């Protein structure tokens, strides 16, 4: 990556659940970031089946809670968040 800016206040290493949530939150706040991920497999297997309360709090702040809540399982599955 040769054209990457050299003056970025935040470098996030890892595009897992926390790295992506942090990048989204900082972007929402107008903070310039660079996220680097070692794994080339962008659509790997999910690392979780249910989102915990804190993860859903991030999702609500980012405006994506309904999409996350309705992903993958029918409402009868019994997810409670």
PDB file of N, CA and C in Angstrom:
ATOM      1  N   UNK A   1       0.856  -1.176   0.000  1.00  0.00           N
ATOM      2  CA  UNK A   1       0.000   0.000   0.000  1.00  0.00           C
ATOM      3  C   UNK A   1       0.897   1.232   0.000  1.00  0.00           C
ATOM      4  N   UNK A   2       1.210   1.727  -1.145  1.00  0.00           N
ATOM      5  CA  UNK A   2       2.171   2.825  -1.247  1.00  0.00           C
ATOM      6  C   UNK A   2       1.541   4.199  -1.128  1.00  0.00           C
ATOM      7  N   UNK A   3       0.240   4.368  -1.414  1.00  0.00           N
ATOM      8  CA  UNK A   3      -0.340   5.703  -1.330  1.00  0.00           C
ATOM      9  C   UNK A   3      -1.055   5.947  -0.014  1.00  0.00           C
ATOM     10  N   UNK A   4      -0.765   5.169   1.013  1.00  0.00           N
ATOM     11  CA  UNK A   4      -1.395   5.378   2.314  1.00  0.00           C
ATOM     12  C   UNK A   4      -0.876   6.670   2.932  1.00  0.00           C
ATOM     13  N   UNK A   5      -1.776   7.434   3.552  1.00  0.00           N
ATOM     14  CA  UNK A   5      -1.318   8.655   4.223  1.00  0.00           C
ATOM     15  C   UNK A   5      -0.389   8.306   5.384  1.00  0.00           C
ATOM     16  N   UNK A   6       0.598   9.157   5.609  1.00  0.00           N
ATOM     17  CA  UNK A   6       1.570   8.902   6.669  1.00  0.00           C
ATOM     18  C   UNK A   6       1.215   9.627   7.957  1.00  0.00           C
ATOM     19  N   UNK A   7       0.276  10.518   7.901  1.00  0.00           N
ATOM     20  CA  UNK A   7      -0.098  11.307   9.066  1.00  0.00           C
ATOM     21  C   UNK A   7      -1.527  10.985   9.484  1.00  0.00           C
ATOM     22  N   UNK A   8      -1.736   9.839  10.068  1.00  0.00           N
ATOM     23  CA  UNK A   8      -3.065   9.413  10.496  1.00  0.00           C
ATOM     24  C   UNK A   8      -3.029   9.233  12.011  1.00  0.00           C
ATOM     25  N   UNK A   9      -3.984   9.840  12.725  1.00  0.00           N
ATOM     26  CA  UNK A   9      -3.918   9.778  14.182  1.00  0.00           C
ATOM     27  C   UNK A   9      -4.159   8.394  14.783  1.00  0.00           C
ATOM     28  N   UNK A  10      -4.883   7.498  14.073  1.00  0.00           N
ATOM     29  CA  UNK A  10      -5.210   6.192  14.658  1.00  0.00           C
ATOM     30  C   UNK A  10      -4.922   5.080  13.664  1.00  0.00           C
ATOM     31  N   UNK A  11      -4.171   4.101  14.114  1.00  0.00           N
ATOM     32  CA  UNK A  11      -3.932   2.878  13.350  1.00  0.00           C
ATOM     33  C   UNK A  11      -4.593   1.738  14.101  1.00  0.00           C
ATOM     34  N   UNK A  12      -5.513   1.027  13.443  1.00  0.00           N
ATOM     35  CA  UNK A  12      -6.181  -0.120  14.052  1.00  0.00           C
ATOM     36  C   UNK A  12      -5.622  -1.363  13.391  1.00  0.00           C
ATOM     37  N   UNK A  13      -5.101  -2.252  14.198  1.00  0.00           N
ATOM     38  CA  UNK A  13      -4.509  -3.485  13.690  1.00  0.00           C
ATOM     39  C   UNK A  13      -5.487  -4.616  13.974  1.00  0.00           C
ATOM     40  N   UNK A  14      -6.070  -5.158  12.926  1.00  0.00           N
ATOM     41  CA  UNK A  14      -6.995  -6.276  13.051  1.00  0.00           C
ATOM     42  C   UNK A  14      -8.415  -5.883  12.699  1.00  0.00           C
ATOM     43  N   UNK A  15      -8.974  -6.592  11.739  1.00  0.00           N
ATOM     44  CA  UNK A  15     -10.336  -6.314  11.286  1.00  0.00           C
ATOM     45  C   UNK A  15     -11.343  -7.284  11.849  1.00  0.00           C
ATOM     46  N   UNK A  16     -11.126  -7.722  13.084  1.00  0.00           N
ATOM     47  CA  UNK A  16     -12.109  -8.572  13.740  1.00  0.00           C
ATOM     48  C   UNK A  16     -13.266  -7.730  14.251  1.00  0.00           C
ATOM     49  N   UNK A  17     -14.052  -8.319  15.106  1.00  0.00           N
ATOM     50  CA  UNK A  17     -15.235  -7.640  15.629  1.00  0.00           C
ATOM     51  C   UNK A  17     -14.903  -6.314  16.288  1.00  0.00           C
ATOM     52  N   UNK A  18     -13.906  -6.306  17.154  1.00  0.00           N
ATOM     53  CA  UNK A  18     -13.553  -5.082  17.883  1.00  0.00           C
ATOM     54  C   UNK A  18     -12.922  -4.054  16.965  1.00  0.00           C
ATOM     55  N   UNK A  19     -11.991  -4.488  16.088  1.00  0.00           N
ATOM     56  CA  UNK A  19     -11.344  -3.554  15.173  1.00  0.00           C
ATOM     57  C   UNK A  19     -12.334  -2.870  14.245  1.00  0.00           C
ATOM     58  N   UNK A  20     -13.281  -3.634  13.706  1.00  0.00           N
ATOM     59  CA  UNK A  20     -14.291  -3.052  12.820  1.00  0.00           C
ATOM     60  C   UNK A  20     -15.221  -2.103  13.572  1.00  0.00           C
ATOM     61  N   UNK A  21     -15.634  -2.502  14.771  1.00  0.00           N
ATOM     62  CA  UNK A  21     -16.506  -1.632  15.562  1.00  0.00           C
ATOM     63  C   UNK A  21     -15.794  -0.333  15.927  1.00  0.00           C
ATOM     64  N   UNK A  22     -14.527  -0.438  16.298  1.00  0.00           N
ATOM     65  CA  UNK A  22     -13.760   0.761  16.647  1.00  0.00           C
ATOM     66  C   UNK A  22     -13.600   1.672  15.428  1.00  0.00           C
ATOM     67  N   UNK A  23     -13.270   1.088  14.290  1.00  0.00           N
ATOM     68  CA  UNK A  23     -13.115   1.890  13.072  1.00  0.00           C
ATOM     69  C   UNK A  23     -14.428   2.589  12.700  1.00  0.00           C
ATOM     70  N   UNK A  24     -15.546   1.875  12.811  1.00  0.00           N
ATOM     71  CA  UNK A  24     -16.847   2.473  12.492  1.00  0.00           C
ATOM     72  C   UNK A  24     -17.179   3.598  13.460  1.00  0.00           C
ATOM     73  N   UNK A  25     -16.939   3.378  14.750  1.00  0.00           N
ATOM     74  CA  UNK A  25     -17.247   4.395  15.746  1.00  0.00           C
ATOM     75  C   UNK A  25     -16.378   5.632  15.563  1.00  0.00           C
ATOM     76  N   UNK A  26     -15.084   5.436  15.363  1.00  0.00           N
ATOM     77  CA  UNK A  26     -14.200   6.591  15.161  1.00  0.00           C
ATOM     78  C   UNK A  26     -14.553   7.334  13.874  1.00  0.00           C
ATOM     79  N   UNK A  27     -14.887   6.592  12.817  1.00  0.00           N
ATOM     80  CA  UNK A  27     -15.300   7.236  11.570  1.00  0.00           C
ATOM     81  C   UNK A  27     -16.550   8.073  11.760  1.00  0.00           C
ATOM     82  N   UNK A  28     -17.495   7.548  12.539  1.00  0.00           N
ATOM     83  CA  UNK A  28     -18.730   8.286  12.833  1.00  0.00           C
ATOM     84  C   UNK A  28     -18.421   9.583  13.575  1.00  0.00           C
ATOM     85  N   UNK A  29     -17.354   9.570  14.360  1.00  0.00           N
ATOM     86  CA  UNK A  29     -16.959  10.758  15.122  1.00  0.00           C
ATOM     87  C   UNK A  29     -16.025  11.682  14.328  1.00  0.00           C
ATOM     88  N   UNK A  30     -15.711  11.315  13.083  1.00  0.00           N
ATOM     89  CA  UNK A  30     -14.863  12.154  12.247  1.00  0.00           C
ATOM     90  C   UNK A  30     -13.373  11.975  12.464  1.00  0.00           C
ATOM     91  N   UNK A  31     -12.970  10.887  13.122  1.00  0.00           N
ATOM     92  CA  UNK A  31     -11.555  10.629  13.381  1.00  0.00           C
ATOM     93  C   UNK A  31     -10.990   9.793  12.233  1.00  0.00           C
ATOM     94  N   UNK A  32      -9.955  10.275  11.582  1.00  0.00           N
ATOM     95  CA  UNK A  32      -9.320   9.550  10.489  1.00  0.00           C
ATOM     96  C   UNK A  32      -8.570   8.351  11.034  1.00  0.00           C
ATOM     97  N   UNK A  33      -8.806   7.194  10.437  1.00  0.00           N
ATOM     98  CA  UNK A  33      -8.141   5.976  10.879  1.00  0.00           C
ATOM     99  C   UNK A  33      -7.686   5.157   9.677  1.00  0.00           C
ATOM    100  N   UNK A  34      -6.757   4.283   9.938  1.00  0.00           N
ATOM    101  CA  UNK A  34      -6.386   3.244   8.969  1.00  0.00           C
ATOM    102  C   UNK A  34      -6.542   1.922   9.700  1.00  0.00           C
ATOM    103  N   UNK A  35      -7.243   0.987   9.071  1.00  0.00           N
ATOM    104  CA  UNK A  35      -7.408  -0.349   9.629  1.00  0.00           C
ATOM    105  C   UNK A  35      -6.622  -1.308   8.751  1.00  0.00           C
ATOM    106  N   UNK A  36      -5.743  -2.079   9.360  1.00  0.00           N
ATOM    107  CA  UNK A  36      -4.974  -3.068   8.601  1.00  0.00           C
ATOM    108  C   UNK A  36      -5.349  -4.455   9.102  1.00  0.00           C
ATOM    109  N   UNK A  37      -5.459  -5.381   8.159  1.00  0.00           N
ATOM    110  CA  UNK A  37      -5.839  -6.753   8.469  1.00  0.00           C
ATOM    111  C   UNK A  37      -4.903  -7.681   7.724  1.00  0.00           C
ATOM    112  N   UNK A  38      -4.365  -8.655   8.396  1.00  0.00           N
ATOM    113  CA  UNK A  38      -3.431  -9.602   7.809  1.00  0.00           C
ATOM    114  C   UNK A  38      -4.129 -10.638   6.930  1.00  0.00           C
ATOM    115  N   UNK A  39      -5.337 -11.022   7.294  1.00  0.00           N
ATOM    116  CA  UNK A  39      -6.060 -12.075   6.604  1.00  0.00           C
ATOM    117  C   UNK A  39      -6.688 -11.553   5.312  1.00  0.00           C
ATOM    118  N   UNK A  40      -6.424 -12.214   4.204  1.00  0.00           N
ATOM    119  CA  UNK A  40      -7.000 -11.795   2.928  1.00  0.00           C
ATOM    120  C   UNK A  40      -8.427 -12.281   2.747  1.00  0.00           C
ATOM    121  N   UNK A  41      -8.863 -13.250   3.541  1.00  0.00           N
ATOM    122  CA  UNK A  41     -10.201 -13.799   3.429  1.00  0.00           C
ATOM    123  C   UNK A  41     -11.195 -12.832   4.066  1.00  0.00           C
ATOM    124  N   UNK A  42     -11.795 -11.983   3.268  1.00  0.00           N
ATOM    125  CA  UNK A  42     -12.674 -10.941   3.796  1.00  0.00           C
ATOM    126  C   UNK A  42     -14.017 -11.483   4.281  1.00  0.00           C
ATOM    127  N   UNK A  43     -14.422 -12.624   3.781  1.00  0.00           N
ATOM    128  CA  UNK A  43     -15.718 -13.178   4.156  1.00  0.00           C
ATOM    129  C   UNK A  43     -15.560 -14.515   4.854  1.00  0.00           C
ATOM    130  N   UNK A  44     -14.719 -14.549   5.843  1.00  0.00           N
ATOM    131  CA  UNK A  44     -14.493 -15.780   6.587  1.00  0.00           C
ATOM    132  C   UNK A  44     -15.698 -16.138   7.438  1.00  0.00           C
ATOM    133  N   UNK A  45     -15.590 -17.232   8.148  1.00  0.00           N
ATOM    134  CA  UNK A  45     -16.717 -17.662   8.984  1.00  0.00           C
ATOM    135  C   UNK A  45     -16.968 -16.698  10.137  1.00  0.00           C
ATOM    136  N   UNK A  46     -18.213 -16.633  10.550  1.00  0.00           N
ATOM    137  CA  UNK A  46     -18.583 -15.758  11.670  1.00  0.00           C
ATOM    138  C   UNK A  46     -17.896 -16.225  12.938  1.00  0.00           C
ATOM    139  N   UNK A  47     -17.491 -15.277  13.773  1.00  0.00           N
ATOM    140  CA  UNK A  47     -16.814 -15.617  15.018  1.00  0.00           C
ATOM    141  C   UNK A  47     -17.788 -15.686  16.192  1.00  0.00           C
ATOM    142  N   UNK A  48     -19.038 -15.354  15.946  1.00  0.00           N
ATOM    143  CA  UNK A  48     -20.017 -15.424  17.021  1.00  0.00           C
ATOM    144  C   UNK A  48     -21.387 -15.722  16.432  1.00  0.00           C
ATOM    145  N   UNK A  49     -22.243 -16.276  17.243  1.00  0.00           N
ATOM    146  CA  UNK A  49     -23.601 -16.570  16.803  1.00  0.00           C
ATOM    147  C   UNK A  49     -24.558 -15.531  17.357  1.00  0.00           C
ATOM    148  N   UNK A  50     -24.321 -15.071  18.564  1.00  0.00           N
ATOM    149  CA  UNK A  50     -25.172 -14.065  19.181  1.00  0.00           C
ATOM    150  C   UNK A  50     -24.337 -12.854  19.548  1.00  0.00           C
ATOM    151  N   UNK A  51     -24.945 -11.697  19.442  1.00  0.00           N
ATOM    152  CA  UNK A  51     -24.272 -10.461  19.844  1.00  0.00           C
ATOM    153  C   UNK A  51     -24.636 -10.169  21.292  1.00  0.00           C
ATOM    154  N   UNK A  52     -23.643  -9.826  22.101  1.00  0.00           N
ATOM    155  CA  UNK A  52     -23.945  -9.523  23.499  1.00  0.00           C
ATOM    156  C   UNK A  52     -24.492  -8.097  23.628  1.00  0.00           C
ATOM    157  N   UNK A  53     -24.853  -7.737  24.833  1.00  0.00           N
ATOM    158  CA  UNK A  53     -25.484  -6.448  25.082  1.00  0.00           C
ATOM    159  C   UNK A  53     -24.569  -5.295  24.675  1.00  0.00           C
ATOM    160  N   UNK A  54     -23.277  -5.380  24.992  1.00  0.00           N
ATOM    161  CA  UNK A  54     -22.337  -4.300  24.647  1.00  0.00           C
ATOM    162  C   UNK A  54     -22.190  -4.168  23.135  1.00  0.00           C
ATOM    163  N   UNK A  55     -22.124  -5.313  22.435  1.00  0.00           N
ATOM    164  CA  UNK A  55     -22.025  -5.264  20.975  1.00  0.00           C
ATOM    165  C   UNK A  55     -23.273  -4.617  20.382  1.00  0.00           C
ATOM    166  N   UNK A  56     -24.436  -4.934  20.921  1.00  0.00           N
ATOM    167  CA  UNK A  56     -25.677  -4.338  20.414  1.00  0.00           C
ATOM    168  C   UNK A  56     -25.747  -2.848  20.733  1.00  0.00           C
ATOM    169  N   UNK A  57     -25.114  -2.424  21.827  1.00  0.00           N
ATOM    170  CA  UNK A  57     -25.050  -0.996  22.125  1.00  0.00           C
ATOM    171  C   UNK A  57     -24.273  -0.271  21.024  1.00  0.00           C
ATOM    172  N   UNK A  58     -23.145  -0.842  20.600  1.00  0.00           N
ATOM    173  CA  UNK A  58     -22.399  -0.274  19.470  1.00  0.00           C
ATOM    174  C   UNK A  58     -23.258  -0.260  18.216  1.00  0.00           C
ATOM    175  N   UNK A  59     -23.962  -1.339  17.967  1.00  0.00           N
ATOM    176  CA  UNK A  59     -24.808  -1.425  16.772  1.00  0.00           C
ATOM    177  C   UNK A  59     -25.896  -0.362  16.785  1.00  0.00           C
ATOM    178  N   UNK A  60     -26.506  -0.116  17.951  1.00  0.00           N
ATOM    179  CA  UNK A  60     -27.512   0.946  18.050  1.00  0.00           C
ATOM    180  C   UNK A  60     -26.891   2.306  17.765  1.00  0.00           C
ATOM    181  N   UNK A  61     -25.703   2.566  18.316  1.00  0.00           N
ATOM    182  CA  UNK A  61     -25.037   3.850  18.089  1.00  0.00           C
ATOM    183  C   UNK A  61     -24.705   4.046  16.613  1.00  0.00           C
ATOM    184  N   UNK A  62     -24.384   2.954  15.924  1.00  0.00           N
ATOM    185  CA  UNK A  62     -24.024   3.033  14.515  1.00  0.00           C
ATOM    186  C   UNK A  62     -25.239   2.975  13.595  1.00  0.00           C
ATOM    187  N   UNK A  63     -26.418   2.769  14.165  1.00  0.00           N
ATOM    188  CA  UNK A  63     -27.639   2.728  13.368  1.00  0.00           C
ATOM    189  C   UNK A  63     -27.853   1.424  12.616  1.00  0.00           C
ATOM    190  N   UNK A  64     -27.238   0.343  13.065  1.00  0.00           N
ATOM    191  CA  UNK A  64     -27.372  -0.931  12.349  1.00  0.00           C
ATOM    192  C   UNK A  64     -27.967  -2.031  13.225  1.00  0.00           C
ATOM    193  N   UNK A  65     -28.564  -1.666  14.358  1.00  0.00           N
ATOM    194  CA  UNK A  65     -29.073  -2.667  15.301  1.00  0.00           C
ATOM    195  C   UNK A  65     -30.142  -3.553  14.677  1.00  0.00           C
ATOM    196  N   UNK A  66     -31.067  -2.982  13.930  1.00  0.00           N
ATOM    197  CA  UNK A  66     -32.134  -3.794  13.327  1.00  0.00           C
ATOM    198  C   UNK A  66     -31.579  -4.796  12.325  1.00  0.00           C
ATOM    199  N   UNK A  67     -30.599  -4.381  11.518  1.00  0.00           N
ATOM    200  CA  UNK A  67     -30.001  -5.304  10.557  1.00  0.00           C
ATOM    201  C   UNK A  67     -29.295  -6.455  11.263  1.00  0.00           C
ATOM    202  N   UNK A  68     -28.583  -6.143  12.344  1.00  0.00           N
ATOM    203  CA  UNK A  68     -27.890  -7.185  13.104  1.00  0.00           C
ATOM    204  C   UNK A  68     -28.900  -8.091  13.793  1.00  0.00           C
ATOM    205  N   UNK A  69     -29.916  -7.496  14.376  1.00  0.00           N
ATOM    206  CA  UNK A  69     -30.924  -8.272  15.097  1.00  0.00           C
ATOM    207  C   UNK A  69     -31.642  -9.243  14.159  1.00  0.00           C
ATOM    208  N   UNK A  70     -31.858  -8.854  12.933  1.00  0.00           N
ATOM    209  CA  UNK A  70     -32.624  -9.670  11.990  1.00  0.00           C
ATOM    210  C   UNK A  70     -31.754 -10.532  11.088  1.00  0.00           C
ATOM    211  N   UNK A  71     -30.452 -10.587  11.351  1.00  0.00           N
ATOM    212  CA  UNK A  71     -29.564 -11.366  10.503  1.00  0.00           C
ATOM    213  C   UNK A  71     -29.521 -12.816  10.946  1.00  0.00           C
ATOM    214  N   UNK A  72     -29.682 -13.708   9.992  1.00  0.00           N
ATOM    215  CA  UNK A  72     -29.347 -15.113  10.217  1.00  0.00           C
ATOM    216  C   UNK A  72     -30.383 -16.018  10.813  1.00  0.00           C
ATOM    217  N   UNK A  73     -31.059 -15.608  11.864  1.00  0.00           N
ATOM    218  CA  UNK A  73     -31.991 -16.497  12.539  1.00  0.00           C
ATOM    219  C   UNK A  73     -33.377 -15.878  12.575  1.00  0.00           C
ATOM    220  N   UNK A  74     -34.410 -16.690  12.478  1.00  0.00           N
ATOM    221  CA  UNK A  74     -35.785 -16.152  12.595  1.00  0.00           C
ATOM    222  C   UNK A  74     -36.038 -15.695  14.028  1.00  0.00           C
ATOM    223  N   UNK A  75     -36.997 -14.773  14.228  1.00  0.00           N
ATOM    224  CA  UNK A  75     -37.277 -14.252  15.573  1.00  0.00           C
ATOM    225  C   UNK A  75     -37.614 -15.359  16.579  1.00  0.00           C
ATOM    226  N   UNK A  76     -38.173 -16.460  16.135  1.00  0.00           N
ATOM    227  CA  UNK A  76     -38.538 -17.553  17.037  1.00  0.00           C
ATOM    228  C   UNK A  76     -37.314 -18.248  17.651  1.00  0.00           C
ATOM    229  N   UNK A  77     -36.121 -17.952  17.135  1.00  0.00           N
ATOM    230  CA  UNK A  77     -34.904 -18.562  17.655  1.00  0.00           C
ATOM    231  C   UNK A  77     -34.677 -18.210  19.126  1.00  0.00           C
ATOM    232  N   UNK A  78     -35.157 -17.028  19.524  1.00  0.00           N
ATOM    233  CA  UNK A  78     -35.077 -16.674  20.936  1.00  0.00           C
ATOM    234  C   UNK A  78     -33.923 -15.774  21.319  1.00  0.00           C
ATOM    235  N   UNK A  79     -33.308 -15.069  20.388  1.00  0.00           N
ATOM    236  CA  UNK A  79     -32.243 -14.130  20.748  1.00  0.00           C
ATOM    237  C   UNK A  79     -32.843 -13.008  21.579  1.00  0.00           C
ATOM    238  N   UNK A  80     -32.172 -12.650  22.658  1.00  0.00           N
ATOM    239  CA  UNK A  80     -32.727 -11.614  23.549  1.00  0.00           C
ATOM    240  C   UNK A  80     -31.747 -10.462  23.700  1.00  0.00           C
ATOM    241  N   UNK A  81     -31.780  -9.544  22.747  1.00  0.00           N
ATOM    242  CA  UNK A  81     -30.957  -8.351  22.897  1.00  0.00           C
ATOM    243  C   UNK A  81     -31.627  -7.174  22.290  1.00  0.00           C
TER     244      UNK A  81
END
